[in-house]
Amino acid sequence: MTHRTIALVAALLLSACASVPRTQPADQFFARLQALCGQRFAGRVVTTDPADASFAGKPLVMQVRECSATEVRIPFTVGEDRSRTWVITRTAAGLRLKHDHRHPDGTEDAISQYGGDTVAPGAAGRQAFPADAFSRTLFLAKGNPVSIDNIWAVEIEPGVLFAYELRRPNRHFRVEFDLGKPL
């Protein structure tokens, strides 16, 4: 082989390597989430904070639906209350979680669209979302200053578990859904 041929082959191999996108944890997580599209799962609160009493004894159901390449909407019902939807969206830097709260007539609640963006790569099985500036402003305006330090997390262990979690000082809420038993 001539030097020119070797250089050409090397250049082609290097360009092929450069064009293969590296899969990021957020991409892997989003793929796990999309694999659940169209399915419903029962859940249970696994934390014991007294603030969780309103969820106690009520059926908890999540449904992964309205899936696109950039967004997944997950309605979360507590008993007959269908007001909550978790919305996970791809961003240029990672993922965003928002909470879409609606009244029974479909109008948006005054406390809605709060959440945050990932600020760290996270893992294929867990992504964390600290409260963003919009959420902190909303919480302060609505008289809920303890929520400005909220960090939400979502976990997915395929075939086993989907978990939604909220943490802040003196508060921990976690609900887990059994992915081994779709409804």
N, C-alpha and C. Protein backbone atom coordinates (compact mmCIF):
# COMPACT_ATOMS: atom_id res chain seq x y z
N MET A 1 0.83 -1.18 0.00
CA MET A 1 0.00 0.00 0.00
C MET A 1 0.88 1.24 0.00
N THR A 2 0.41 2.24 -0.69
CA THR A 2 1.17 3.49 -0.72
C THR A 2 0.82 4.32 0.50
N HIS A 3 1.65 5.28 0.77
CA HIS A 3 1.39 6.19 1.90
C HIS A 3 0.07 6.94 1.71
N ARG A 4 -0.21 7.24 0.47
CA ARG A 4 -1.44 7.96 0.18
C ARG A 4 -2.68 7.11 0.50
N THR A 5 -2.65 5.83 0.14
CA THR A 5 -3.75 4.91 0.41
C THR A 5 -3.93 4.72 1.92
N ILE A 6 -2.81 4.56 2.62
CA ILE A 6 -2.87 4.39 4.08
C ILE A 6 -3.48 5.63 4.73
N ALA A 7 -3.07 6.79 4.26
CA ALA A 7 -3.60 8.04 4.81
C ALA A 7 -5.09 8.16 4.53
N LEU A 8 -5.53 7.76 3.34
CA LEU A 8 -6.94 7.81 2.99
C LEU A 8 -7.76 6.87 3.86
N VAL A 9 -7.28 5.64 4.05
CA VAL A 9 -7.98 4.66 4.89
C VAL A 9 -8.05 5.17 6.32
N ALA A 10 -6.95 5.70 6.84
CA ALA A 10 -6.93 6.24 8.20
C ALA A 10 -7.93 7.39 8.35
N ALA A 11 -7.97 8.27 7.36
CA ALA A 11 -8.90 9.40 7.41
C ALA A 11 -10.35 8.92 7.40
N LEU A 12 -10.65 7.93 6.57
CA LEU A 12 -12.00 7.39 6.52
C LEU A 12 -12.40 6.74 7.85
N LEU A 13 -11.48 5.98 8.44
CA LEU A 13 -11.77 5.35 9.73
C LEU A 13 -12.00 6.38 10.81
N LEU A 14 -11.18 7.42 10.84
CA LEU A 14 -11.34 8.46 11.85
C LEU A 14 -12.63 9.24 11.65
N SER A 15 -12.99 9.51 10.41
CA SER A 15 -14.23 10.25 10.18
C SER A 15 -15.44 9.40 10.54
N ALA A 16 -15.37 8.10 10.34
CA ALA A 16 -16.47 7.22 10.73
C ALA A 16 -16.63 7.23 12.24
N CYS A 17 -15.53 7.21 12.96
CA CYS A 17 -15.60 7.25 14.42
C CYS A 17 -16.17 8.58 14.90
N ALA A 18 -15.80 9.66 14.27
CA ALA A 18 -16.26 10.99 14.69
C ALA A 18 -17.75 11.17 14.43
N SER A 19 -18.32 10.47 13.44
CA SER A 19 -19.72 10.68 13.12
C SER A 19 -20.66 9.83 13.97
N VAL A 20 -20.13 8.90 14.77
CA VAL A 20 -20.97 8.08 15.62
C VAL A 20 -21.26 8.86 16.90
N PRO A 21 -22.51 9.23 17.13
CA PRO A 21 -22.81 10.02 18.33
C PRO A 21 -22.62 9.19 19.60
N ARG A 22 -22.08 9.84 20.61
CA ARG A 22 -21.90 9.20 21.90
C ARG A 22 -23.23 9.25 22.64
N THR A 23 -23.68 8.14 23.15
CA THR A 23 -24.94 8.12 23.88
C THR A 23 -24.73 8.65 25.28
N GLN A 24 -25.50 9.65 25.64
CA GLN A 24 -25.43 10.27 26.95
C GLN A 24 -26.44 9.61 27.89
N PRO A 25 -26.22 9.69 29.21
CA PRO A 25 -27.19 9.12 30.15
C PRO A 25 -28.61 9.64 29.93
N ALA A 26 -28.76 10.93 29.61
CA ALA A 26 -30.10 11.48 29.38
C ALA A 26 -30.77 10.81 28.18
N ASP A 27 -29.99 10.50 27.14
CA ASP A 27 -30.53 9.82 25.96
C ASP A 27 -30.98 8.40 26.33
N GLN A 28 -30.16 7.72 27.12
CA GLN A 28 -30.50 6.36 27.56
C GLN A 28 -31.76 6.39 28.44
N PHE A 29 -31.83 7.34 29.34
CA PHE A 29 -32.99 7.49 30.21
C PHE A 29 -34.24 7.75 29.37
N PHE A 30 -34.15 8.67 28.41
CA PHE A 30 -35.31 9.01 27.58
C PHE A 30 -35.76 7.79 26.77
N ALA A 31 -34.82 6.99 26.30
CA ALA A 31 -35.17 5.77 25.57
C ALA A 31 -35.91 4.79 26.49
N ARG A 32 -35.46 4.68 27.74
CA ARG A 32 -36.16 3.82 28.70
C ARG A 32 -37.58 4.32 28.93
N LEU A 33 -37.72 5.63 29.02
CA LEU A 33 -39.04 6.22 29.23
C LEU A 33 -39.95 5.95 28.03
N GLN A 34 -39.44 6.16 26.83
CA GLN A 34 -40.25 5.94 25.63
C GLN A 34 -40.65 4.48 25.46
N ALA A 35 -39.84 3.56 25.98
CA ALA A 35 -40.18 2.14 25.90
C ALA A 35 -41.45 1.82 26.70
N LEU A 36 -41.84 2.72 27.60
CA LEU A 36 -43.04 2.52 28.42
C LEU A 36 -44.30 3.12 27.79
N CYS A 37 -44.17 3.77 26.65
CA CYS A 37 -45.30 4.47 26.02
C CYS A 37 -46.50 3.56 25.83
N GLY A 38 -47.66 4.12 26.18
CA GLY A 38 -48.91 3.39 26.02
C GLY A 38 -49.24 2.47 27.17
N GLN A 39 -48.40 2.41 28.19
CA GLN A 39 -48.64 1.50 29.31
C GLN A 39 -49.05 2.26 30.57
N ARG A 40 -49.80 1.57 31.43
CA ARG A 40 -50.24 2.12 32.72
C ARG A 40 -49.72 1.21 33.83
N PHE A 41 -49.42 1.83 34.98
CA PHE A 41 -48.88 1.08 36.10
C PHE A 41 -49.44 1.60 37.41
N ALA A 42 -49.68 0.68 38.34
CA ALA A 42 -50.12 1.05 39.69
C ALA A 42 -48.89 1.33 40.54
N GLY A 43 -49.09 2.25 41.50
CA GLY A 43 -47.99 2.60 42.37
C GLY A 43 -48.41 2.69 43.81
N ARG A 44 -47.41 2.98 44.65
CA ARG A 44 -47.66 3.16 46.07
C ARG A 44 -46.64 4.13 46.64
N VAL A 45 -47.07 4.90 47.62
CA VAL A 45 -46.17 5.81 48.31
C VAL A 45 -45.30 4.96 49.23
N VAL A 46 -43.98 5.15 49.16
CA VAL A 46 -43.07 4.36 49.99
C VAL A 46 -42.44 5.19 51.11
N THR A 47 -42.71 6.49 51.15
CA THR A 47 -42.22 7.34 52.22
C THR A 47 -43.32 7.48 53.27
N THR A 48 -42.93 7.95 54.44
CA THR A 48 -43.88 7.99 55.56
C THR A 48 -44.09 9.40 56.11
N ASP A 49 -43.77 10.41 55.34
CA ASP A 49 -43.95 11.78 55.78
C ASP A 49 -45.44 12.05 56.01
N PRO A 50 -45.81 12.68 57.14
CA PRO A 50 -47.23 12.99 57.38
C PRO A 50 -47.86 13.81 56.25
N ALA A 51 -47.07 14.58 55.52
CA ALA A 51 -47.61 15.38 54.41
C ALA A 51 -48.14 14.50 53.28
N ASP A 52 -47.80 13.21 53.29
CA ASP A 52 -48.25 12.29 52.24
C ASP A 52 -49.59 11.64 52.55
N ALA A 53 -50.21 12.03 53.67
CA ALA A 53 -51.46 11.39 54.10
C ALA A 53 -52.57 11.50 53.06
N SER A 54 -52.57 12.57 52.27
CA SER A 54 -53.63 12.74 51.27
C SER A 54 -53.55 11.69 50.16
N PHE A 55 -52.42 10.99 50.06
CA PHE A 55 -52.26 9.94 49.06
C PHE A 55 -52.56 8.55 49.64
N ALA A 56 -52.57 8.46 50.97
CA ALA A 56 -52.71 7.16 51.63
C ALA A 56 -54.03 6.50 51.30
N GLY A 57 -53.95 5.22 50.98
CA GLY A 57 -55.16 4.43 50.73
C GLY A 57 -55.85 4.70 49.42
N LYS A 58 -55.31 5.58 48.60
CA LYS A 58 -55.93 5.86 47.30
C LYS A 58 -55.16 5.14 46.20
N PRO A 59 -55.87 4.69 45.17
CA PRO A 59 -55.14 4.08 44.05
C PRO A 59 -54.27 5.14 43.36
N LEU A 60 -53.03 4.80 43.09
CA LEU A 60 -52.09 5.67 42.39
C LEU A 60 -51.77 5.01 41.05
N VAL A 61 -52.01 5.73 39.96
CA VAL A 61 -51.79 5.16 38.63
C VAL A 61 -51.08 6.20 37.77
N MET A 62 -50.06 5.73 37.06
CA MET A 62 -49.40 6.56 36.05
C MET A 62 -49.61 5.92 34.69
N GLN A 63 -49.71 6.77 33.67
CA GLN A 63 -49.85 6.27 32.30
C GLN A 63 -48.86 7.03 31.43
N VAL A 64 -47.98 6.31 30.77
CA VAL A 64 -47.01 6.94 29.89
C VAL A 64 -47.66 7.07 28.52
N ARG A 65 -47.87 8.31 28.09
CA ARG A 65 -48.56 8.51 26.82
C ARG A 65 -48.12 9.81 26.17
N GLU A 66 -48.67 10.07 25.01
CA GLU A 66 -48.31 11.25 24.22
C GLU A 66 -46.80 11.35 24.08
N CYS A 67 -46.22 10.32 23.53
CA CYS A 67 -44.76 10.24 23.37
C CYS A 67 -44.34 10.73 21.99
N SER A 68 -43.35 11.60 21.97
CA SER A 68 -42.74 12.03 20.72
C SER A 68 -41.23 11.91 20.88
N ALA A 69 -40.51 12.33 19.86
CA ALA A 69 -39.05 12.26 19.93
C ALA A 69 -38.47 13.23 20.95
N THR A 70 -39.27 14.23 21.36
CA THR A 70 -38.75 15.24 22.28
C THR A 70 -39.54 15.39 23.58
N GLU A 71 -40.70 14.72 23.70
CA GLU A 71 -41.52 14.91 24.90
C GLU A 71 -42.33 13.67 25.21
N VAL A 72 -42.46 13.41 26.53
CA VAL A 72 -43.32 12.33 27.02
C VAL A 72 -44.19 12.91 28.13
N ARG A 73 -45.49 12.68 28.02
CA ARG A 73 -46.44 13.15 29.04
C ARG A 73 -46.93 11.94 29.83
N ILE A 74 -46.92 12.10 31.17
CA ILE A 74 -47.26 11.00 32.07
C ILE A 74 -48.33 11.47 33.05
N PRO A 75 -49.61 11.27 32.72
CA PRO A 75 -50.64 11.59 33.69
C PRO A 75 -50.49 10.70 34.93
N PHE A 76 -50.67 11.31 36.10
CA PHE A 76 -50.56 10.63 37.39
C PHE A 76 -51.84 10.88 38.16
N THR A 77 -52.62 9.82 38.40
CA THR A 77 -53.88 9.97 39.10
C THR A 77 -53.76 9.47 40.53
N VAL A 78 -54.42 10.20 41.42
CA VAL A 78 -54.48 9.87 42.84
C VAL A 78 -55.96 9.69 43.15
N GLY A 79 -56.40 8.44 43.26
CA GLY A 79 -57.82 8.19 43.41
C GLY A 79 -58.56 8.68 42.19
N GLU A 80 -59.53 9.57 42.38
CA GLU A 80 -60.28 10.15 41.26
C GLU A 80 -59.67 11.45 40.75
N ASP A 81 -58.63 11.92 41.41
CA ASP A 81 -57.98 13.18 41.04
C ASP A 81 -57.05 12.97 39.85
N ARG A 82 -57.44 13.53 38.72
CA ARG A 82 -56.67 13.39 37.47
C ARG A 82 -56.00 14.71 37.08
N SER A 83 -55.67 15.52 38.06
CA SER A 83 -55.19 16.87 37.78
C SER A 83 -53.70 16.97 37.43
N ARG A 84 -52.94 15.90 37.63
CA ARG A 84 -51.48 15.98 37.51
C ARG A 84 -50.96 15.28 36.27
N THR A 85 -50.02 15.93 35.59
CA THR A 85 -49.29 15.29 34.49
C THR A 85 -47.83 15.69 34.61
N TRP A 86 -46.96 14.68 34.61
CA TRP A 86 -45.52 14.94 34.55
C TRP A 86 -45.15 15.03 33.08
N VAL A 87 -44.39 16.04 32.71
CA VAL A 87 -43.97 16.24 31.32
C VAL A 87 -42.45 16.24 31.30
N ILE A 88 -41.88 15.28 30.60
CA ILE A 88 -40.42 15.19 30.47
C ILE A 88 -40.06 15.50 29.02
N THR A 89 -39.20 16.50 28.87
CA THR A 89 -38.84 17.02 27.55
C THR A 89 -37.33 16.99 27.38
N ARG A 90 -36.90 16.67 26.17
CA ARG A 90 -35.47 16.76 25.84
C ARG A 90 -35.10 18.22 25.65
N THR A 91 -33.93 18.60 26.12
CA THR A 91 -33.39 19.94 25.90
C THR A 91 -32.03 19.78 25.24
N ALA A 92 -31.45 20.87 24.82
CA ALA A 92 -30.12 20.81 24.21
C ALA A 92 -29.07 20.29 25.21
N ALA A 93 -29.30 20.55 26.50
CA ALA A 93 -28.31 20.17 27.51
C ALA A 93 -28.68 18.91 28.30
N GLY A 94 -29.89 18.41 28.14
CA GLY A 94 -30.30 17.23 28.92
C GLY A 94 -31.80 17.03 28.88
N LEU A 95 -32.43 17.05 30.06
CA LEU A 95 -33.86 16.81 30.16
C LEU A 95 -34.51 17.85 31.06
N ARG A 96 -35.80 18.03 30.88
CA ARG A 96 -36.60 18.96 31.69
C ARG A 96 -37.82 18.20 32.22
N LEU A 97 -38.14 18.42 33.49
CA LEU A 97 -39.36 17.89 34.09
C LEU A 97 -40.25 19.07 34.46
N LYS A 98 -41.48 19.03 34.02
CA LYS A 98 -42.48 20.04 34.41
C LYS A 98 -43.70 19.31 34.95
N HIS A 99 -44.43 20.01 35.82
CA HIS A 99 -45.66 19.50 36.41
C HIS A 99 -46.81 20.32 35.85
N ASP A 100 -47.66 19.68 35.07
CA ASP A 100 -48.80 20.34 34.46
C ASP A 100 -50.02 20.00 35.31
N HIS A 101 -50.55 20.99 36.03
CA HIS A 101 -51.72 20.79 36.89
C HIS A 101 -52.93 21.46 36.27
N ARG A 102 -54.02 20.71 36.20
CA ARG A 102 -55.25 21.19 35.56
C ARG A 102 -56.45 21.00 36.48
N HIS A 103 -57.43 21.89 36.32
CA HIS A 103 -58.72 21.74 36.99
C HIS A 103 -59.55 20.72 36.21
N PRO A 104 -60.64 20.22 36.80
CA PRO A 104 -61.48 19.24 36.08
C PRO A 104 -61.98 19.72 34.72
N ASP A 105 -62.14 21.04 34.55
CA ASP A 105 -62.62 21.56 33.26
C ASP A 105 -61.48 21.73 32.24
N GLY A 106 -60.26 21.38 32.63
CA GLY A 106 -59.12 21.45 31.72
C GLY A 106 -58.32 22.73 31.79
N THR A 107 -58.81 23.72 32.53
CA THR A 107 -58.05 24.97 32.66
C THR A 107 -56.86 24.74 33.58
N GLU A 108 -55.83 25.51 33.32
CA GLU A 108 -54.58 25.35 34.08
C GLU A 108 -54.72 25.90 35.50
N ASP A 109 -54.18 25.17 36.45
CA ASP A 109 -54.16 25.59 37.84
C ASP A 109 -53.20 26.76 38.00
N ALA A 110 -53.38 27.56 39.05
CA ALA A 110 -52.49 28.69 39.31
C ALA A 110 -51.07 28.23 39.63
N ILE A 111 -50.95 27.04 40.20
CA ILE A 111 -49.63 26.47 40.47
C ILE A 111 -49.43 25.31 39.50
N SER A 112 -48.76 25.62 38.40
CA SER A 112 -48.55 24.66 37.32
C SER A 112 -47.27 25.04 36.58
N GLN A 113 -46.78 24.10 35.80
CA GLN A 113 -45.60 24.29 34.96
C GLN A 113 -44.32 24.48 35.78
N TYR A 114 -44.33 24.06 37.02
CA TYR A 114 -43.11 24.14 37.82
C TYR A 114 -42.28 22.87 37.58
N GLY A 115 -41.00 22.97 37.86
CA GLY A 115 -40.08 21.84 37.66
C GLY A 115 -38.68 22.36 37.46
N GLY A 116 -37.91 21.66 36.65
CA GLY A 116 -36.54 22.08 36.42
C GLY A 116 -35.85 21.24 35.37
N ASP A 117 -34.62 21.64 35.08
CA ASP A 117 -33.78 20.95 34.10
C ASP A 117 -32.68 20.18 34.82
N THR A 118 -32.23 19.12 34.17
CA THR A 118 -31.08 18.41 34.71
C THR A 118 -29.88 19.35 34.67
N VAL A 119 -29.03 19.28 35.69
CA VAL A 119 -27.82 20.10 35.72
C VAL A 119 -26.57 19.23 35.76
N ALA A 120 -26.78 17.92 35.83
CA ALA A 120 -25.68 16.95 35.81
C ALA A 120 -26.08 15.85 34.84
N PRO A 121 -25.11 15.08 34.35
CA PRO A 121 -25.45 14.04 33.38
C PRO A 121 -26.43 12.99 33.92
N GLY A 122 -26.44 12.77 35.23
CA GLY A 122 -27.31 11.74 35.77
C GLY A 122 -26.86 10.37 35.32
N ALA A 123 -27.81 9.46 35.29
CA ALA A 123 -27.52 8.08 34.89
C ALA A 123 -28.65 7.60 33.99
N ALA A 124 -28.42 6.50 33.31
CA ALA A 124 -29.45 5.94 32.44
C ALA A 124 -30.70 5.59 33.23
N GLY A 125 -30.54 5.29 34.53
CA GLY A 125 -31.66 4.89 35.35
C GLY A 125 -32.22 5.96 36.26
N ARG A 126 -31.54 7.11 36.38
CA ARG A 126 -32.02 8.17 37.29
C ARG A 126 -31.60 9.54 36.79
N GLN A 127 -32.57 10.46 36.78
CA GLN A 127 -32.31 11.85 36.42
C GLN A 127 -32.90 12.75 37.51
N ALA A 128 -32.17 13.79 37.88
CA ALA A 128 -32.61 14.73 38.92
C ALA A 128 -32.85 16.10 38.32
N PHE A 129 -33.86 16.81 38.85
CA PHE A 129 -34.32 18.07 38.30
C PHE A 129 -34.48 19.11 39.42
N PRO A 130 -33.46 19.92 39.68
CA PRO A 130 -33.62 20.98 40.69
C PRO A 130 -34.58 22.06 40.20
N ALA A 131 -35.28 22.69 41.14
CA ALA A 131 -36.22 23.75 40.79
C ALA A 131 -35.54 24.84 39.98
N ASP A 132 -36.18 25.22 38.87
CA ASP A 132 -35.63 26.27 38.01
C ASP A 132 -36.10 27.65 38.50
N ALA A 133 -35.62 28.70 37.85
CA ALA A 133 -35.94 30.08 38.25
C ALA A 133 -37.44 30.34 38.17
N PHE A 134 -38.11 29.85 37.12
CA PHE A 134 -39.55 30.04 37.00
C PHE A 134 -40.26 29.44 38.21
N SER A 135 -39.87 28.24 38.59
CA SER A 135 -40.52 27.55 39.72
C SER A 135 -40.29 28.28 41.03
N ARG A 136 -39.07 28.70 41.26
CA ARG A 136 -38.76 29.42 42.50
C ARG A 136 -39.58 30.71 42.58
N THR A 137 -39.68 31.44 41.48
CA THR A 137 -40.49 32.66 41.45
C THR A 137 -41.96 32.35 41.71
N LEU A 138 -42.47 31.30 41.07
CA LEU A 138 -43.86 30.88 41.26
C LEU A 138 -44.12 30.51 42.72
N PHE A 139 -43.24 29.72 43.30
CA PHE A 139 -43.44 29.29 44.69
C PHE A 139 -43.43 30.49 45.64
N LEU A 140 -42.53 31.42 45.42
CA LEU A 140 -42.49 32.61 46.28
C LEU A 140 -43.77 33.44 46.10
N ALA A 141 -44.20 33.62 44.86
CA ALA A 141 -45.40 34.42 44.59
C ALA A 141 -46.66 33.79 45.18
N LYS A 142 -46.70 32.46 45.26
CA LYS A 142 -47.88 31.76 45.76
C LYS A 142 -47.76 31.42 47.25
N GLY A 143 -46.73 31.98 47.92
CA GLY A 143 -46.61 31.79 49.36
C GLY A 143 -46.11 30.43 49.79
N ASN A 144 -45.30 29.81 48.95
CA ASN A 144 -44.78 28.48 49.25
C ASN A 144 -43.24 28.49 49.19
N PRO A 145 -42.59 29.30 50.03
CA PRO A 145 -41.13 29.44 49.93
C PRO A 145 -40.34 28.17 50.23
N VAL A 146 -40.89 27.22 50.99
CA VAL A 146 -40.14 26.00 51.28
C VAL A 146 -39.86 25.19 50.01
N SER A 147 -40.66 25.40 48.97
CA SER A 147 -40.50 24.62 47.74
C SER A 147 -39.39 25.12 46.83
N ILE A 148 -38.78 26.26 47.12
CA ILE A 148 -37.75 26.78 46.22
C ILE A 148 -36.52 25.87 46.16
N ASP A 149 -36.34 25.02 47.17
CA ASP A 149 -35.21 24.10 47.19
C ASP A 149 -35.57 22.71 46.67
N ASN A 150 -36.74 22.56 46.05
CA ASN A 150 -37.17 21.25 45.55
C ASN A 150 -36.18 20.68 44.55
N ILE A 151 -35.98 19.38 44.69
CA ILE A 151 -35.27 18.60 43.68
C ILE A 151 -36.13 17.38 43.42
N TRP A 152 -36.59 17.24 42.18
CA TRP A 152 -37.38 16.09 41.79
C TRP A 152 -36.45 15.10 41.11
N ALA A 153 -36.78 13.84 41.20
CA ALA A 153 -36.01 12.81 40.50
C ALA A 153 -36.97 11.77 39.95
N VAL A 154 -36.58 11.18 38.85
CA VAL A 154 -37.32 10.08 38.25
C VAL A 154 -36.33 8.96 38.01
N GLU A 155 -36.75 7.74 38.36
CA GLU A 155 -35.93 6.56 38.16
C GLU A 155 -36.68 5.56 37.30
N ILE A 156 -35.94 4.87 36.45
CA ILE A 156 -36.52 3.79 35.65
C ILE A 156 -35.56 2.62 35.66
N GLU A 157 -36.05 1.49 36.16
CA GLU A 157 -35.33 0.22 36.07
C GLU A 157 -36.21 -0.68 35.21
N PRO A 158 -35.86 -0.85 33.93
CA PRO A 158 -36.75 -1.56 33.00
C PRO A 158 -37.27 -2.88 33.56
N GLY A 159 -38.59 -3.05 33.40
CA GLY A 159 -39.24 -4.28 33.85
C GLY A 159 -39.43 -4.40 35.34
N VAL A 160 -38.91 -3.43 36.10
CA VAL A 160 -38.94 -3.53 37.56
C VAL A 160 -39.63 -2.34 38.21
N LEU A 161 -39.12 -1.13 37.96
CA LEU A 161 -39.52 0.02 38.78
C LEU A 161 -39.49 1.33 38.01
N PHE A 162 -40.50 2.16 38.25
CA PHE A 162 -40.51 3.57 37.88
C PHE A 162 -40.76 4.29 39.20
N ALA A 163 -39.93 5.27 39.52
CA ALA A 163 -40.12 6.02 40.76
C ALA A 163 -40.10 7.51 40.47
N TYR A 164 -40.94 8.22 41.19
CA TYR A 164 -41.00 9.68 41.17
C TYR A 164 -40.69 10.12 42.59
N GLU A 165 -39.83 11.12 42.71
CA GLU A 165 -39.37 11.53 44.03
C GLU A 165 -39.27 13.04 44.13
N LEU A 166 -39.57 13.55 45.31
CA LEU A 166 -39.37 14.97 45.64
C LEU A 166 -38.55 15.03 46.92
N ARG A 167 -37.49 15.85 46.89
CA ARG A 167 -36.69 16.09 48.10
C ARG A 167 -36.44 17.58 48.26
N ARG A 168 -36.42 17.99 49.52
CA ARG A 168 -35.99 19.31 49.93
C ARG A 168 -35.71 19.20 51.42
N PRO A 169 -35.14 20.22 52.04
CA PRO A 169 -34.91 20.11 53.48
C PRO A 169 -36.20 19.77 54.23
N ASN A 170 -36.13 18.77 55.07
CA ASN A 170 -37.24 18.31 55.91
C ASN A 170 -38.42 17.73 55.13
N ARG A 171 -38.19 17.31 53.90
CA ARG A 171 -39.28 16.73 53.09
C ARG A 171 -38.72 15.70 52.13
N HIS A 172 -39.35 14.53 52.12
CA HIS A 172 -39.02 13.49 51.15
C HIS A 172 -40.31 12.78 50.80
N PHE A 173 -40.64 12.77 49.51
CA PHE A 173 -41.81 12.07 49.00
C PHE A 173 -41.34 11.17 47.88
N ARG A 174 -41.81 9.92 47.90
CA ARG A 174 -41.43 8.98 46.84
C ARG A 174 -42.58 8.02 46.60
N VAL A 175 -42.92 7.87 45.32
CA VAL A 175 -43.91 6.89 44.91
C VAL A 175 -43.24 5.97 43.89
N GLU A 176 -43.50 4.68 44.04
CA GLU A 176 -42.90 3.68 43.15
C GLU A 176 -43.99 2.92 42.42
N PHE A 177 -43.73 2.62 41.15
CA PHE A 177 -44.66 1.91 40.30
C PHE A 177 -44.00 0.60 39.85
N ASP A 178 -44.77 -0.48 39.84
CA ASP A 178 -44.27 -1.79 39.48
C ASP A 178 -44.36 -1.97 37.97
N LEU A 179 -43.21 -1.89 37.30
CA LEU A 179 -43.19 -2.05 35.84
C LEU A 179 -43.34 -3.50 35.40
N GLY A 180 -43.29 -4.41 36.34
CA GLY A 180 -43.48 -5.83 36.02
C GLY A 180 -44.93 -6.22 35.86
N LYS A 181 -45.84 -5.30 36.23
CA LYS A 181 -47.28 -5.59 36.18
C LYS A 181 -48.05 -4.44 35.54
N PRO A 182 -47.96 -4.27 34.22
CA PRO A 182 -48.77 -3.22 33.58
C PRO A 182 -50.25 -3.47 33.80
N LEU A 183 -51.01 -2.40 33.85
CA LEU A 183 -52.47 -2.50 34.05
C LEU A 183 -53.16 -2.69 32.70
